[in-house]
Protein backbone atom coordinates (compact mmCIF):
# COMPACT_ATOMS: atom_id res chain seq x y z
CA MET A 1 -15.53 -13.62 14.36
CA LEU A 2 -13.77 -10.78 12.61
CA PRO A 3 -10.77 -11.60 10.41
CA ARG A 4 -7.49 -10.81 12.10
CA ARG A 5 -4.05 -10.08 10.82
CA ASN A 6 -1.69 -13.06 10.52
CA LEU A 7 1.50 -11.25 11.49
CA ASP A 8 4.61 -12.04 13.43
CA PRO A 9 4.64 -9.84 16.56
CA TYR A 10 7.87 -8.21 15.44
CA ALA A 11 6.97 -7.88 11.76
CA THR A 12 4.49 -4.99 12.31
CA ILE A 13 3.98 -2.94 9.15
CA GLU A 14 6.32 -3.08 6.20
CA VAL A 15 6.25 0.08 4.11
CA ALA A 16 6.82 -1.04 0.54
CA ASP A 17 7.46 0.91 -2.60
CA PRO A 18 4.41 3.21 -2.85
CA LEU A 19 4.17 2.43 -6.59
CA GLU A 20 3.81 -1.31 -6.00
CA GLY A 21 0.02 -1.36 -5.87
CA LEU A 22 -0.25 0.74 -9.01
CA ARG A 23 2.05 -1.61 -10.95
CA ILE A 24 -0.01 -4.63 -9.87
CA ARG A 25 -3.25 -3.01 -11.01
CA LEU A 26 -1.68 -2.03 -14.31
CA THR A 27 -0.45 -5.59 -14.84
CA ILE A 28 -3.99 -6.94 -14.48
CA TRP A 29 -5.11 -4.59 -17.25
CA LEU A 30 -2.05 -4.79 -19.48
CA LEU A 31 -1.84 -8.59 -19.80
CA PRO A 32 -5.13 -8.95 -21.70
CA LEU A 33 -4.31 -5.76 -23.61
CA GLY A 34 -0.99 -7.33 -24.65
CA ALA A 35 -2.80 -10.46 -25.80
CA VAL A 36 -5.20 -8.38 -27.89
CA ALA A 37 -2.30 -6.38 -29.36
CA ALA A 38 -0.42 -9.56 -30.33
CA LEU A 39 -3.54 -11.06 -31.93
CA ALA A 40 -4.28 -7.80 -33.76
CA ALA A 41 -0.72 -7.56 -35.07
CA TRP A 42 -0.86 -11.15 -36.29
CA GLY A 43 -4.25 -10.72 -37.95
CA LEU A 44 -3.41 -7.42 -39.66
CA SER A 45 -0.10 -8.82 -40.91
CA VAL A 46 -1.91 -11.82 -42.38
CA LEU A 47 -4.43 -9.54 -44.10
CA ALA A 48 -1.64 -7.36 -45.48
CA GLY A 49 0.35 -10.39 -46.60
CA LYS A 50 3.39 -9.17 -44.65
CA LEU A 51 3.67 -11.70 -41.83
CA SER A 52 7.36 -11.85 -40.90
CA LEU A 53 9.00 -14.98 -39.55
CA PRO A 54 9.15 -13.70 -35.91
CA ASP A 55 5.48 -12.68 -36.08
CA GLN A 56 4.53 -15.98 -37.63
CA LEU A 57 6.29 -18.03 -34.95
CA LEU A 58 5.84 -15.92 -31.80
CA LEU A 59 2.77 -13.65 -31.87
CA LEU A 60 0.13 -16.32 -31.28
CA PRO A 61 2.14 -18.07 -28.50
CA MET A 62 2.70 -14.66 -26.88
CA ALA A 63 -1.02 -13.88 -26.93
CA LEU A 64 -1.80 -17.26 -25.37
CA GLY A 65 0.99 -16.78 -22.82
CA PHE A 66 -0.38 -13.39 -21.73
CA LEU A 67 -3.85 -14.83 -21.26
CA LEU A 68 -2.52 -17.76 -19.23
CA LEU A 69 -0.54 -15.35 -17.05
CA GLU A 70 -3.70 -13.31 -16.47
CA VAL A 71 -5.57 -16.43 -15.33
CA TYR A 72 -2.63 -17.42 -13.11
CA LEU A 73 -2.51 -13.93 -11.57
CA TRP A 74 -6.20 -13.96 -10.70
CA ARG A 75 -5.82 -17.37 -9.05
CA ASN A 76 -2.45 -16.59 -7.40
CA PRO A 77 -2.19 -12.83 -6.71
CA HIS A 78 0.97 -13.39 -4.68
CA GLY A 79 2.70 -14.67 -7.80
CA ILE A 80 2.83 -11.21 -9.37
CA ARG A 81 6.64 -11.15 -9.57
CA LEU A 82 6.74 -14.48 -11.38
CA VAL A 83 4.16 -13.10 -13.82
CA TRP A 84 6.34 -10.05 -14.47
CA GLN A 85 9.42 -12.17 -15.08
CA VAL A 86 7.68 -14.56 -17.49
CA ALA A 87 5.99 -11.74 -19.40
CA LEU A 88 9.26 -9.83 -19.72
CA GLY A 89 11.00 -13.00 -20.87
CA MET A 90 8.44 -13.58 -23.63
CA ILE A 91 8.67 -9.99 -24.85
CA ALA A 92 12.47 -10.10 -24.73
CA VAL A 93 12.59 -13.28 -26.84
CA TYR A 94 10.28 -11.70 -29.40
CA GLN A 95 12.35 -8.49 -29.56
CA ILE A 96 15.69 -10.30 -29.87
CA PHE A 97 14.40 -12.58 -32.62
CA SER A 98 12.85 -9.59 -34.42
CA LEU A 99 16.11 -7.65 -34.15
CA TYR A 100 18.03 -10.52 -35.73
CA TYR A 101 15.47 -10.86 -38.51
CA GLU A 102 15.47 -7.12 -39.25
CA ALA A 103 19.27 -6.91 -39.25
CA ALA A 104 19.61 -9.93 -41.51
CA TYR A 105 16.82 -9.30 -44.02
CA LYS A 106 15.44 -5.75 -43.76
CA LEU A 107 18.06 -3.25 -42.58
CA HIS A 108 19.98 -3.16 -45.88
CA GLN A 109 16.73 -2.19 -47.65
CA ARG A 110 16.26 0.95 -45.54
CA ASP A 111 18.29 4.02 -44.70
CA GLY A 112 17.67 4.09 -40.98
CA ILE A 113 16.50 2.17 -37.98
CA THR A 114 13.88 -0.49 -38.44
CA PRO A 115 10.41 -0.34 -36.83
CA ALA A 116 11.14 -3.40 -34.67
CA ALA A 117 14.27 -1.78 -33.25
CA LEU A 118 12.27 1.28 -32.14
CA TRP A 119 10.49 -0.87 -29.56
CA PHE A 120 13.61 -2.61 -28.30
CA PRO A 121 14.35 -0.09 -25.46
CA MET A 122 10.80 -0.38 -24.12
CA VAL A 123 11.76 -3.67 -22.48
CA TYR A 124 14.29 -1.81 -20.28
CA LEU A 125 11.56 0.54 -19.13
CA MET A 126 9.27 -2.36 -18.30
CA ALA A 127 12.02 -4.19 -16.42
CA PHE A 128 12.94 -1.19 -14.26
CA ASN A 129 9.30 -0.55 -13.46
CA LEU A 130 8.44 -4.14 -12.56
CA LEU A 131 11.59 -5.64 -11.05
CA SER A 132 13.95 -4.63 -8.30
CA ARG A 133 16.83 -2.43 -9.32
CA LYS A 134 19.43 -5.23 -9.30
CA GLN A 135 17.12 -7.70 -11.05
CA ALA A 136 16.22 -5.12 -13.69
CA LEU A 137 19.88 -4.27 -14.31
CA ARG A 138 20.88 -7.93 -14.69
CA PHE A 139 17.92 -8.63 -16.94
CA SER A 140 18.51 -5.53 -19.08
CA LEU A 141 22.24 -6.15 -19.51
CA THR A 142 21.57 -9.74 -20.54
CA TYR A 143 18.80 -8.62 -22.86
CA LEU A 144 21.02 -5.94 -24.45
CA ALA A 145 23.95 -8.34 -24.87
CA LEU A 146 21.77 -11.00 -26.51
CA GLY A 147 20.09 -8.36 -28.68
CA LEU A 148 23.40 -6.95 -29.87
CA LEU A 149 24.72 -10.46 -30.51
CA ALA A 150 21.61 -11.27 -32.55
CA GLY A 151 22.00 -8.00 -34.46
CA VAL A 152 25.67 -8.66 -35.23
CA ILE A 153 24.89 -12.19 -36.44
CA GLY A 154 22.10 -10.77 -38.56
CA LEU A 155 24.32 -8.08 -40.08
CA VAL A 156 27.08 -10.55 -40.87
CA SER A 157 24.60 -12.85 -42.60
CA SER A 158 22.94 -9.94 -44.43
CA PRO A 159 23.18 -10.10 -48.24
CA SER A 160 24.37 -6.48 -48.37
CA LEU A 161 26.33 -5.07 -45.43
CA ASN A 162 26.97 -1.37 -46.17
CA VAL A 163 28.18 1.73 -44.34
CA SER A 164 24.64 2.97 -43.70
CA SER A 165 23.69 -0.32 -42.04
CA ALA A 166 26.84 -0.24 -39.90
CA ASN A 167 26.11 3.36 -38.82
CA THR A 168 22.54 2.45 -37.91
CA ALA A 169 23.76 -0.49 -35.83
CA LEU A 170 26.30 1.74 -34.06
CA GLN A 171 23.70 4.41 -33.23
CA PHE A 172 21.32 1.74 -32.02
CA THR A 173 23.99 0.32 -29.69
CA LEU A 174 24.99 3.72 -28.25
CA SER A 175 21.40 4.88 -27.79
CA ASN A 176 20.51 1.67 -25.93
CA ILE A 177 23.48 2.10 -23.59
CA ALA A 178 22.27 5.65 -22.92
CA TYR A 179 18.70 4.44 -22.26
CA LEU A 180 19.97 1.81 -19.86
CA SER A 181 22.18 4.28 -17.96
CA LEU A 182 19.33 6.76 -17.54
CA LEU A 183 16.92 4.07 -16.40
CA TYR A 184 19.41 2.83 -13.83
CA LEU A 185 19.60 6.38 -12.49
CA PHE A 186 15.81 6.52 -12.41
CA ALA A 187 15.69 3.23 -10.48
CA TYR A 188 18.19 4.59 -7.95
CA LEU A 189 16.08 7.71 -7.46
CA ARG A 190 12.93 5.58 -7.13
CA ARG A 191 14.57 3.51 -4.41
CA HIS A 192 15.68 6.69 -2.66
CA TYR A 193 12.13 8.04 -2.89
CA ALA A 194 10.76 4.79 -1.39
CA GLN A 195 13.21 5.06 1.51
CA MET A 196 12.29 8.70 2.11
CA HIS A 197 8.60 7.77 1.93
CA GLN A 198 9.14 5.06 4.52
CA MET A 199 11.05 7.36 6.85
CA ALA A 200 8.38 10.05 6.53
CA HIS A 201 5.46 7.68 7.23
CA THR A 202 6.90 5.08 9.62
CA ASP A 203 7.77 5.16 13.30
CA ALA A 204 11.44 4.24 13.64
CA LEU A 205 11.07 2.24 16.87
CA THR A 206 7.98 0.13 16.20
CA SER A 207 7.80 0.27 12.37
CA LEU A 208 4.15 1.26 12.74
CA THR A 209 2.51 4.03 10.78
CA ASN A 210 3.52 7.32 12.36
CA ARG A 211 1.33 10.26 13.36
CA ARG A 212 1.78 12.11 10.06
CA ALA A 213 0.73 9.12 7.95
CA MET A 214 -2.21 8.32 10.24
CA GLN A 215 -3.43 11.89 9.95
CA ILE A 216 -3.67 11.39 6.18
CA LYS A 217 -5.63 8.15 6.70
CA LEU A 218 -7.97 9.90 9.12
CA ASP A 219 -8.64 12.71 6.66
CA ASN A 220 -9.35 10.21 3.88
CA GLU A 221 -11.69 8.19 6.08
CA LEU A 222 -13.52 11.36 7.14
CA ASP A 223 -14.05 12.30 3.49
CA ARG A 224 -15.43 8.82 2.80
CA ALA A 225 -17.73 8.95 5.82
CA ARG A 226 -19.10 12.34 4.80
CA ARG A 227 -19.63 11.28 1.19
CA TYR A 228 -21.21 7.87 1.78
CA ASN A 229 -22.51 8.30 5.34
CA ARG A 230 -20.45 5.36 6.60
CA PRO A 231 -19.41 4.84 10.24
CA PHE A 232 -15.88 4.62 11.54
CA ALA A 233 -14.26 4.63 14.97
CA VAL A 234 -11.00 5.74 16.51
CA LEU A 235 -9.48 4.10 19.57
CA LEU A 236 -6.81 5.91 21.56
CA ALA A 237 -4.74 3.51 23.68
CA ASP A 238 -2.09 4.33 26.26
CA LEU A 239 0.20 1.92 28.14
CA ASP A 240 -0.37 2.37 31.85
CA HIS A 241 2.48 3.57 34.10
CA PHE A 242 4.96 3.38 31.24
CA LYS A 243 7.29 5.89 32.87
CA ARG A 244 7.60 3.44 35.75
CA VAL A 245 8.71 0.75 33.28
CA ASN A 246 11.48 2.99 31.93
CA ASP A 247 12.57 4.10 35.40
CA THR A 248 12.59 0.58 36.82
CA TYR A 249 13.91 -1.53 33.95
CA GLY A 250 15.63 0.99 31.70
CA HIS A 251 14.77 2.52 28.35
CA SER A 252 15.98 -0.51 26.37
CA VAL A 253 13.35 -2.67 28.08
CA GLY A 254 10.81 0.10 27.62
CA ASP A 255 11.54 0.18 23.89
CA GLN A 256 11.14 -3.59 23.67
CA VAL A 257 7.81 -3.37 25.52
CA LEU A 258 6.62 -0.81 22.96
CA ARG A 259 7.63 -3.09 20.09
CA GLU A 260 5.94 -6.12 21.63
CA ALA A 261 2.81 -4.12 22.45
CA SER A 262 2.54 -2.90 18.86
CA GLY A 263 2.91 -6.48 17.62
CA ARG A 264 0.15 -7.75 19.91
CA LEU A 265 -2.19 -4.95 18.93
CA LEU A 266 -1.61 -5.65 15.24
CA GLN A 267 -2.39 -9.34 15.69
CA HIS A 268 -5.83 -8.51 17.03
CA LEU A 269 -6.81 -5.96 14.38
CA ARG A 270 -8.74 -6.63 11.20
CA GLU A 271 -7.13 -6.22 7.81
CA SER A 272 -9.10 -3.02 7.25
CA ASP A 273 -7.93 -1.42 10.51
CA SER A 274 -4.89 0.82 10.84
CA LEU A 275 -2.57 1.18 13.81
CA ALA A 276 -0.21 4.08 14.46
CA ARG A 277 2.16 5.09 17.18
CA TRP A 278 0.53 8.36 18.10
CA GLY A 279 3.24 9.56 20.45
CA GLY A 280 5.32 8.17 23.32
CA GLU A 281 3.40 5.18 24.65
CA GLU A 282 0.14 6.14 22.90
CA PHE A 283 -1.33 4.19 19.99
CA LEU A 284 -4.19 5.19 17.70
CA ILE A 285 -6.41 2.67 15.93
CA LEU A 286 -8.58 3.65 12.96
CA ALA A 287 -11.44 1.18 12.44
CA PRO A 288 -13.48 1.80 9.25
CA GLU A 289 -17.07 0.52 8.94
CA THR A 290 -17.27 0.25 12.74
CA ASP A 291 -19.98 1.54 15.07
CA LEU A 292 -19.57 2.21 18.77
CA GLN A 293 -20.53 -1.27 19.96
CA GLN A 294 -18.24 -2.97 17.45
CA ALA A 295 -15.44 -0.61 18.46
CA HIS A 296 -16.11 -1.48 22.11
CA ARG A 297 -15.64 -5.19 21.39
CA LEU A 298 -12.47 -4.44 19.45
CA ALA A 299 -11.14 -2.37 22.34
CA GLN A 300 -11.83 -5.20 24.80
CA ARG A 301 -9.86 -7.60 22.61
CA LEU A 302 -6.93 -5.21 22.55
CA LEU A 303 -7.15 -4.73 26.32
CA GLU A 304 -6.97 -8.50 26.85
CA ALA A 305 -4.18 -8.92 24.31
CA ILE A 306 -1.90 -6.57 26.21
CA ARG A 307 -2.56 -7.79 29.74
CA GLU A 308 -2.78 -11.52 29.01
CA ALA A 309 0.97 -12.11 29.44
CA PRO A 310 4.08 -10.13 30.43
CA MET A 311 6.13 -8.38 27.77
CA SER A 312 9.90 -8.64 28.22
CA GLY A 313 9.18 -9.84 31.75
CA VAL A 314 7.02 -6.79 32.57
CA HIS A 315 3.29 -6.85 33.28
CA VAL A 316 1.68 -4.07 31.26
CA THR A 317 -1.92 -2.90 30.99
CA LEU A 318 -3.74 -0.56 28.66
CA SER A 319 -6.25 2.27 28.95
CA LEU A 320 -8.45 2.90 25.91
CA GLY A 321 -10.80 5.66 24.86
CA VAL A 322 -13.25 5.02 22.01
CA ALA A 323 -15.09 7.53 19.83
CA CYS A 324 -17.12 7.18 16.63
CA TYR A 325 -17.76 9.56 13.78
CA ARG A 326 -20.82 11.77 14.04
CA GLN A 327 -22.39 13.85 11.29
CA GLY A 328 -20.57 17.17 11.07
CA ASP A 329 -17.52 15.89 12.95
CA THR A 330 -14.01 17.11 12.32
CA ILE A 331 -10.99 14.91 12.98
CA ALA A 332 -9.99 17.25 15.80
CA ALA A 333 -13.39 16.86 17.49
CA LEU A 334 -13.35 13.08 17.07
CA LEU A 335 -9.86 12.75 18.51
CA SER A 336 -10.73 15.09 21.36
CA ARG A 337 -13.58 12.81 22.45
CA ALA A 338 -11.37 9.71 22.19
CA ASP A 339 -8.65 11.49 24.16
CA GLU A 340 -11.11 12.54 26.87
CA ALA A 341 -12.46 9.00 27.11
CA MET A 342 -8.93 7.61 27.43
CA TYR A 343 -8.10 10.04 30.26
CA ARG A 344 -11.33 9.10 32.01
CA ALA A 345 -10.14 5.48 31.84
CA LYS A 346 -6.87 6.58 33.44
CA ALA A 347 -8.69 8.49 36.15
CA ALA A 348 -10.95 5.52 36.89
CA GLY A 349 -8.00 3.26 37.71
CA ARG A 350 -6.55 2.34 34.30
CA ASN A 351 -6.66 -1.10 32.65
CA ARG A 352 -10.07 -0.46 31.12
CA VAL A 353 -12.09 0.85 28.17
CA VAL A 354 -14.22 4.00 28.20
CA LEU A 355 -16.62 4.88 25.41
CA GLU A 356 -17.42 8.45 24.42
CA GLU A 357 -21.06 7.97 25.42
CA GLN A 358 -19.89 7.21 28.96
CA LEU A 359 -18.18 10.54 29.48
CA GLU A 360 -21.26 11.70 31.37
CA ASP A 361 -22.33 8.27 32.60
CA VAL A 362 -20.85 5.29 34.39
CA ILE A 363 -17.43 4.08 33.33
CA ILE A 364 -17.15 0.43 32.35
CA PRO A 365 -14.96 -1.25 34.99
CA ALA A 366 -12.21 -3.66 34.05
CA HIS A 367 -12.65 -7.34 34.76
CA THR A 368 -11.29 -8.59 38.05
CA THR A 369 -7.71 -8.28 36.78
CA PRO A 370 -5.98 -5.59 38.90
CA ASP A 371 -3.68 -2.90 37.62
CA THR A 372 -0.36 -4.69 37.86
CA GLN A 373 2.00 -1.79 37.27
């Protein structure tokens, strides 16, 4: 039995931020890297005899915390957001403590910003890349307020508060406000980009992948098939007599039938398969690592899924054409064969599957279920 999608019929496909997957992969690599960096900083400071109080108290717990988060992430990949929040919290605590320590004991010894303060704005960047815009803004404002409070307390308790120290603190405060403002603008633009990406790649009615996005997937799968000589199939499906549904029940019912049909199709696809609204009442399924017989079984499941029960009170059936990649194929040639097979299914009475190899042979008849449109 092939694994199927566990989706609500109306959930279909949710187009998330296109950078989400990249951030998750980076997190898996950066957590152990952060642990190594913390251990290296602690070890080198010990060797140099310059282990500060924040480093002494926090570097080893941070390294252990990063490693534990890595283990947790491998065991619970859906907990990625909790991992981000805990990791950011640990880094923020370290930075705030370091800022206090530098302001209280080191700033008066230098004419300029301290090395620890140079890294303080990096936490904003991490927050706006890992959290939602509102979460990142709340986190960053809290982080900045606590950091400034720690810096002020440190300056007040400093043995020598001078004009140079005050000027450095002022420039640090203003530059951090500027960083935060620019990052908020970046987050707004990122959200706008995600919305535009969704609109460009998603069908508005069904929330399925649209034709443009599916074309990209087809091209990528063709490149993979040519490079590694791997099979894949395309299934072109069309709801039978759909114009009659719109004429009889109205376009609102027709739209609901399309949404329910897309949900049923999704429920019977594998995780590796892709479903798109190809146009009107047509759907296209891309099935990687699938030969013609496997694609035939998949098509039969989809056929049964649609006709097994009415949708919005309307009995609907499906006609499917199936084609598989051949050496030297183009996407246009592959789709042409699937399209021809689908129209042969229509011509043979609908409510059935036709394979490309049957275009010159006998068409597979439907089971005893009649065309109920």
